[in-house]
Amino acid sequence: MMDEQQELQQLKEELETVKRLNRELLTNQENQDSLDFGWTGNLGHWYWDFPANKVTFNPMKATALGFTKEELPETVDFQFFTERLHPDDYERVMDAMRDHLAGTSPVWEVKYRIRAKDGSYKTYYDRGKVTQRAEDGRPLFLSGIVFDISKHEQEKEDLLRKNKEWENQSKRDPMTGLYNRSNILVKLGQTVSRISSGKHSTVSLIVFDIDNLVHQNSLFGPLFGDQLIKQAAEVIKETLADTHIAGVFAGGKFLIILPDVARKEALHVAEAIRKKFAGLEFSEPAEVTSSAGVAEYLPSETVSQFFNRADRLLNKVKSNGKNQAISE
């Protein structure tokens, strides 16, 4: 007798499940004529019988992930999809669903990455809502629509990457790849301002210049002068740490910003660059040297005063025979 009652109860529950689905399909069919869901990436509708935890959906939602119809379980539950969410998206997606089920948000609307059969990830945009609730507010039925926006997201990422590349290129000197004049000065101002905010303890500046560049141009031509500038830039890149910043100021003059580096260490860096540059082999029989002025920022001075102090040291070197680096 008990078995018959249990079977009867099970049949009644299954009947209620079918009724809820049928009501939803009927409502959706009535609205279908006035709605156009033929958008790019549309994977169709889904329906979730909440008490039975049974999801009915357009097979495209699964085949887009690489599954055949035959590979799907006879009954698909909510976890079939949530278990494939990207780990970084899982909690956000589940929080959004919990908020909607509790009635604190009007719709469930999320973008998430979902793992395909081959291990790669697709990006889906999902939107749905509770369409039937019990008298006590418990959710009974949800319906929604899902889109595969993977191509759109990839195009957006590519565009953002290209924009970033274009932005970086606009800040760079085309000959050397270092920051151009305007942007190295911006970097200098930003670095100095970070001292007052406590992000840097100090900063040193090297004003580095190729000696006799105009004379070299007159002897061997401007292409040789360009070669000197390019090779000086390469030496600077090779010598500096990742936290250091370098840019072209004018002609063969470079600014090198050393955050959290005191004067004495900065002088060693300037000397290392000067010696490496002097030791290079060039395409012409030229005697190539360089000079540098090194200064550490003083809290009482402006950025212009800081730069001018390092530049005056460079001019002092130029007046005293060149081919050296000095600081004060």
Protein backbone atom coordinates (compact mmCIF):
# COMPACT_ATOMS: atom_id res chain seq x y z
CA MET A 1 0.00 0.00 0.00
CA MET A 2 2.82 2.32 0.94
CA ASP A 3 4.56 1.63 -2.38
CA GLU A 4 1.40 2.55 -4.30
CA GLN A 5 1.12 5.82 -2.36
CA GLN A 6 4.75 6.63 -3.06
CA GLU A 7 4.31 5.89 -6.75
CA LEU A 8 1.16 8.01 -6.81
CA GLN A 9 3.00 10.90 -5.14
CA GLN A 10 5.87 10.58 -7.60
CA LEU A 11 3.46 10.61 -10.53
CA LYS A 12 1.74 13.70 -9.13
CA GLU A 13 5.11 15.50 -8.81
CA GLU A 14 6.11 14.53 -12.34
CA LEU A 15 2.74 15.72 -13.60
CA GLU A 16 3.23 19.10 -11.89
CA THR A 17 6.66 19.35 -13.51
CA VAL A 18 5.19 18.72 -16.95
CA LYS A 19 2.37 21.17 -16.31
CA ARG A 20 4.77 23.94 -15.35
CA LEU A 21 6.87 23.32 -18.45
CA ASN A 22 3.79 23.22 -20.67
CA ARG A 23 2.49 26.50 -19.23
CA GLU A 24 5.83 28.13 -19.89
CA LEU A 25 6.09 26.79 -23.44
CA LEU A 26 2.57 27.93 -24.18
CA THR A 27 3.26 31.44 -22.90
CA ASN A 28 6.52 31.60 -24.83
CA GLN A 29 4.81 30.41 -28.02
CA GLU A 30 2.18 33.14 -27.69
CA ASN A 31 4.90 35.76 -27.43
CA GLN A 32 7.14 34.29 -30.10
CA ASP A 33 5.43 35.95 -33.03
CA SER A 34 6.15 39.43 -31.64
CA LEU A 35 9.77 38.75 -30.70
CA ASP A 36 12.80 38.20 -32.90
CA PHE A 37 15.56 36.13 -31.34
CA GLY A 38 17.55 35.67 -34.55
CA TRP A 39 20.54 37.59 -33.18
CA THR A 40 24.12 36.52 -33.76
CA GLY A 41 25.21 33.90 -31.26
CA ASN A 42 21.70 33.06 -30.10
CA LEU A 43 21.71 29.58 -28.53
CA GLY A 44 18.03 29.57 -27.78
CA HIS A 45 15.83 29.44 -24.72
CA TRP A 46 16.29 27.47 -21.55
CA TYR A 47 13.75 26.45 -18.90
CA TRP A 48 14.53 25.40 -15.36
CA ASP A 49 12.00 23.56 -13.24
CA PHE A 50 13.38 24.58 -9.88
CA PRO A 51 11.77 22.00 -7.51
CA ALA A 52 12.70 19.14 -9.86
CA ASN A 53 16.07 20.74 -10.76
CA LYS A 54 15.45 19.85 -14.39
CA VAL A 55 16.75 22.07 -17.17
CA THR A 56 15.21 21.97 -20.61
CA PHE A 57 17.17 23.85 -23.26
CA ASN A 58 17.89 24.24 -26.92
CA PRO A 59 20.59 21.63 -27.75
CA MET A 60 22.68 24.42 -29.32
CA LYS A 61 23.65 25.51 -25.78
CA ALA A 62 25.46 22.18 -25.33
CA THR A 63 26.57 21.50 -28.90
CA ALA A 64 28.33 24.88 -28.92
CA LEU A 65 30.46 23.43 -26.13
CA GLY A 66 31.32 20.40 -28.25
CA PHE A 67 28.82 17.90 -26.82
CA THR A 68 26.57 15.80 -29.02
CA LYS A 69 22.96 15.18 -28.07
CA GLU A 70 23.84 11.57 -27.33
CA GLU A 71 26.47 12.65 -24.79
CA LEU A 72 23.98 14.62 -22.70
CA PRO A 73 22.44 12.91 -19.66
CA GLU A 74 18.79 11.95 -19.87
CA THR A 75 17.96 14.57 -17.26
CA VAL A 76 20.08 17.72 -17.24
CA ASP A 77 20.24 19.60 -13.96
CA PHE A 78 21.45 23.11 -13.16
CA GLN A 79 24.83 21.77 -12.05
CA PHE A 80 25.55 20.34 -15.51
CA PHE A 81 26.36 23.91 -16.58
CA THR A 82 27.54 25.50 -13.33
CA GLU A 83 30.19 22.82 -12.84
CA ARG A 84 31.74 24.00 -16.11
CA LEU A 85 31.99 27.65 -15.11
CA HIS A 86 35.41 29.25 -15.07
CA PRO A 87 36.69 29.23 -11.46
CA ASP A 88 37.11 33.01 -11.51
CA ASP A 89 33.47 33.46 -12.57
CA TYR A 90 31.77 30.84 -10.41
CA GLU A 91 31.01 32.79 -7.24
CA ARG A 92 29.90 35.89 -9.12
CA VAL A 93 27.48 33.87 -11.25
CA MET A 94 26.12 31.93 -8.30
CA ASP A 95 25.68 35.10 -6.24
CA ALA A 96 23.68 36.64 -9.07
CA MET A 97 21.45 33.56 -9.28
CA ARG A 98 20.93 33.44 -5.51
CA ASP A 99 19.98 37.12 -5.47
CA HIS A 100 17.40 36.60 -8.19
CA LEU A 101 15.94 33.44 -6.67
CA ALA A 102 15.53 35.36 -3.39
CA GLY A 103 13.75 38.17 -5.24
CA THR A 104 16.36 40.85 -4.53
CA SER A 105 17.09 41.39 -8.24
CA PRO A 106 14.47 41.57 -10.99
CA VAL A 107 16.34 39.40 -13.50
CA TRP A 108 19.30 37.06 -13.65
CA GLU A 109 21.73 38.62 -16.12
CA VAL A 110 25.36 37.51 -16.29
CA LYS A 111 28.30 37.06 -18.58
CA TYR A 112 30.53 34.09 -17.83
CA ARG A 113 33.15 31.77 -19.25
CA ILE A 114 32.14 28.13 -19.55
CA ARG A 115 34.41 25.17 -20.27
CA ALA A 116 33.89 23.33 -23.53
CA LYS A 117 34.42 19.61 -23.96
CA ASP A 118 37.95 20.16 -25.32
CA GLY A 119 38.97 22.19 -22.25
CA SER A 120 38.79 25.60 -23.91
CA TYR A 121 36.42 28.29 -22.68
CA LYS A 122 33.48 29.94 -24.40
CA THR A 123 31.90 33.17 -23.21
CA TYR A 124 28.14 33.10 -22.73
CA TYR A 125 25.72 35.88 -21.99
CA ASP A 126 22.72 34.57 -20.04
CA ARG A 127 19.53 36.34 -19.11
CA GLY A 128 16.51 34.88 -17.36
CA LYS A 129 14.00 35.29 -14.59
CA VAL A 130 11.66 33.44 -12.27
CA THR A 131 8.35 33.23 -14.07
CA GLN A 132 6.43 31.13 -11.56
CA ARG A 133 6.54 31.26 -7.78
CA ALA A 134 4.60 29.39 -5.08
CA GLU A 135 2.25 31.28 -2.80
CA ASP A 136 5.01 31.55 -0.19
CA GLY A 137 7.40 33.05 -2.78
CA ARG A 138 9.45 29.95 -3.47
CA PRO A 139 10.67 29.83 -7.08
CA LEU A 140 8.98 27.16 -9.19
CA PHE A 141 10.05 27.91 -12.73
CA LEU A 142 12.63 30.04 -14.54
CA SER A 143 13.09 30.77 -18.21
CA GLY A 144 15.73 32.62 -20.13
CA ILE A 145 17.83 32.92 -23.24
CA VAL A 146 21.55 32.44 -23.75
CA PHE A 147 24.02 33.74 -26.34
CA ASP A 148 27.50 32.66 -27.30
CA ILE A 149 29.45 35.94 -27.36
CA SER A 150 32.91 34.36 -27.55
CA LYS A 151 33.70 35.93 -30.92
CA HIS A 152 32.53 39.33 -29.74
CA GLU A 153 34.64 39.09 -26.57
CA GLN A 154 37.71 38.02 -28.55
CA GLU A 155 37.24 40.93 -30.95
CA LYS A 156 36.90 43.28 -27.98
CA GLU A 157 40.07 41.92 -26.38
CA ASP A 158 41.93 42.27 -29.68
CA LEU A 159 40.72 45.85 -30.05
CA LEU A 160 41.71 46.72 -26.48
CA ARG A 161 45.12 45.17 -27.05
CA LYS A 162 45.61 47.12 -30.27
CA ASN A 163 44.46 50.33 -28.59
CA LYS A 164 46.99 49.69 -25.83
CA GLU A 165 49.70 49.08 -28.42
CA TRP A 166 48.76 52.28 -30.27
CA GLU A 167 48.73 54.18 -26.99
CA ASN A 168 52.18 52.87 -26.10
CA GLN A 169 53.50 53.64 -29.57
CA SER A 170 52.25 57.22 -29.32
CA LYS A 171 54.34 57.62 -26.16
CA ARG A 172 57.49 56.19 -27.68
CA ASP A 173 60.28 57.65 -29.73
CA PRO A 174 60.13 55.74 -33.04
CA MET A 175 63.90 55.56 -33.46
CA THR A 176 64.83 54.18 -30.04
CA GLY A 177 61.66 52.71 -28.57
CA LEU A 178 62.22 54.78 -25.40
CA TYR A 179 59.71 57.33 -24.15
CA ASN A 180 59.54 60.49 -26.24
CA ARG A 181 60.33 63.92 -24.82
CA SER A 182 56.85 64.86 -23.62
CA ASN A 183 56.16 61.50 -21.98
CA ILE A 184 59.52 61.13 -20.22
CA LEU A 185 58.87 64.53 -18.65
CA VAL A 186 55.41 63.32 -17.58
CA LYS A 187 57.02 60.23 -16.06
CA LEU A 188 59.51 62.43 -14.21
CA GLY A 189 56.70 64.51 -12.71
CA GLN A 190 54.70 61.42 -11.75
CA THR A 191 57.70 59.76 -10.10
CA VAL A 192 58.54 62.85 -8.06
CA SER A 193 54.91 63.20 -6.93
CA ARG A 194 54.98 59.62 -5.62
CA ILE A 195 57.64 60.59 -3.09
CA SER A 196 55.22 62.87 -1.24
CA SER A 197 52.58 60.11 -1.24
CA GLY A 198 55.07 57.63 0.19
CA LYS A 199 55.14 55.33 -2.85
CA HIS A 200 58.83 56.13 -3.45
CA SER A 201 61.51 56.90 -0.89
CA THR A 202 63.59 58.98 -3.29
CA VAL A 203 64.42 59.34 -6.98
CA SER A 204 67.57 60.08 -8.93
CA LEU A 205 67.88 61.49 -12.43
CA ILE A 206 70.58 60.91 -15.02
CA VAL A 207 70.89 63.32 -17.91
CA PHE A 208 72.99 61.37 -20.41
CA ASP A 209 74.37 62.86 -23.63
CA ILE A 210 76.43 61.57 -26.57
CA ASP A 211 79.54 63.74 -26.88
CA ASN A 212 80.22 65.65 -30.11
CA LEU A 213 77.17 64.30 -31.94
CA VAL A 214 76.95 67.32 -34.26
CA HIS A 215 80.61 66.92 -35.14
CA GLN A 216 80.13 63.19 -35.79
CA ASN A 217 77.23 64.02 -38.11
CA SER A 218 79.35 66.47 -40.06
CA LEU A 219 82.20 63.95 -40.43
CA PHE A 220 80.30 60.74 -41.14
CA GLY A 221 76.78 61.86 -42.04
CA PRO A 222 73.42 61.91 -40.21
CA LEU A 223 72.83 58.16 -40.64
CA PHE A 224 75.89 57.51 -38.50
CA GLY A 225 74.49 59.93 -35.93
CA ASP A 226 71.25 57.94 -35.93
CA GLN A 227 73.28 54.78 -35.37
CA LEU A 228 74.92 56.32 -32.32
CA ILE A 229 71.56 57.31 -30.84
CA LYS A 230 70.09 53.84 -31.42
CA GLN A 231 73.11 52.09 -29.90
CA ALA A 232 73.12 54.40 -26.90
CA ALA A 233 69.43 53.58 -26.37
CA GLU A 234 70.17 49.85 -26.52
CA VAL A 235 72.92 50.19 -23.93
CA ILE A 236 70.54 52.12 -21.66
CA LYS A 237 67.85 49.42 -22.02
CA GLU A 238 70.33 46.63 -21.30
CA THR A 239 71.71 48.37 -18.20
CA LEU A 240 68.54 49.53 -16.49
CA ALA A 241 66.31 47.49 -14.18
CA ASP A 242 62.61 46.99 -14.93
CA THR A 243 61.65 49.73 -12.46
CA HIS A 244 63.85 52.33 -14.14
CA ILE A 245 62.47 54.66 -16.83
CA ALA A 246 64.30 56.13 -19.83
CA GLY A 247 63.40 58.49 -22.62
CA VAL A 248 64.83 60.67 -25.36
CA PHE A 249 65.00 64.35 -24.50
CA ALA A 250 66.60 65.86 -27.60
CA GLY A 251 69.00 64.55 -30.25
CA GLY A 252 71.55 62.45 -28.42
CA LYS A 253 70.38 63.49 -24.94
CA PHE A 254 68.51 61.02 -22.73
CA LEU A 255 66.72 61.26 -19.38
CA ILE A 256 66.97 58.25 -17.07
CA ILE A 257 64.69 58.16 -14.01
CA LEU A 258 65.67 55.86 -11.15
CA PRO A 259 62.90 55.51 -8.52
CA ASP A 260 64.08 54.52 -5.03
CA VAL A 261 67.72 54.88 -6.10
CA ALA A 262 70.03 57.23 -4.17
CA ARG A 263 72.64 59.47 -5.80
CA LYS A 264 75.65 57.21 -5.22
CA GLU A 265 74.02 54.16 -6.81
CA ALA A 266 72.67 56.30 -9.65
CA LEU A 267 76.20 57.47 -10.39
CA HIS A 268 77.29 53.83 -10.71
CA VAL A 269 74.46 53.25 -13.20
CA ALA A 270 75.52 56.29 -15.24
CA GLU A 271 79.13 55.11 -15.26
CA ALA A 272 78.08 51.61 -16.35
CA ILE A 273 76.15 53.05 -19.30
CA ARG A 274 78.99 55.40 -20.26
CA LYS A 275 81.62 52.63 -20.23
CA LYS A 276 79.46 50.15 -22.17
CA PHE A 277 78.74 52.77 -24.81
CA ALA A 278 82.43 53.67 -25.16
CA GLY A 279 83.30 50.00 -25.61
CA LEU A 280 81.03 49.45 -28.62
CA GLU A 281 82.29 48.97 -32.16
CA PHE A 282 80.91 51.42 -34.71
CA SER A 283 80.66 51.39 -38.49
CA GLU A 284 82.95 54.42 -38.81
CA PRO A 285 86.43 55.06 -37.30
CA ALA A 286 84.99 57.54 -34.83
CA GLU A 287 86.00 58.19 -31.26
CA VAL A 288 82.64 58.03 -29.51
CA THR A 289 82.20 59.05 -25.87
CA SER A 290 79.40 60.26 -23.64
CA SER A 291 78.79 62.36 -20.54
CA ALA A 292 76.24 62.38 -17.74
CA GLY A 293 75.00 64.54 -14.90
CA VAL A 294 73.44 62.76 -11.92
CA ALA A 295 71.22 64.32 -9.24
CA GLU A 296 69.05 63.02 -6.41
CA TYR A 297 65.75 64.80 -5.76
CA LEU A 298 65.60 67.30 -2.91
CA PRO A 299 62.21 67.67 -1.14
CA SER A 300 62.39 71.46 -1.33
CA GLU A 301 62.75 71.71 -5.13
CA THR A 302 60.33 71.63 -8.05
CA VAL A 303 60.55 69.12 -10.88
CA SER A 304 62.05 71.82 -13.12
CA GLN A 305 64.68 72.66 -10.52
CA PHE A 306 65.48 68.97 -10.15
CA PHE A 307 65.94 68.56 -13.91
CA ASN A 308 67.95 71.79 -14.23
CA ARG A 309 70.33 70.70 -11.47
CA ALA A 310 71.13 67.43 -13.26
CA ASP A 311 71.42 69.25 -16.59
CA ARG A 312 73.86 71.80 -15.13
CA LEU A 313 76.02 68.93 -13.94
CA LEU A 314 76.04 67.57 -17.49
CA ASN A 315 77.09 70.98 -18.82
CA LYS A 316 79.85 71.06 -16.21
CA VAL A 317 81.16 67.76 -17.56
CA LYS A 318 81.00 69.14 -21.11
CA SER A 319 83.06 72.15 -20.06
CA ASN A 320 85.67 70.01 -18.32
CA GLY A 321 86.63 67.69 -21.16
CA LYS A 322 83.55 65.45 -21.48
CA ASN A 323 83.59 61.62 -21.28
CA GLN A 324 82.66 61.29 -17.62
CA ALA A 325 79.71 61.17 -15.23
CA ILE A 326 79.47 63.39 -12.17
CA SER A 327 77.03 64.04 -9.33
CA GLU A 328 76.77 66.36 -6.34
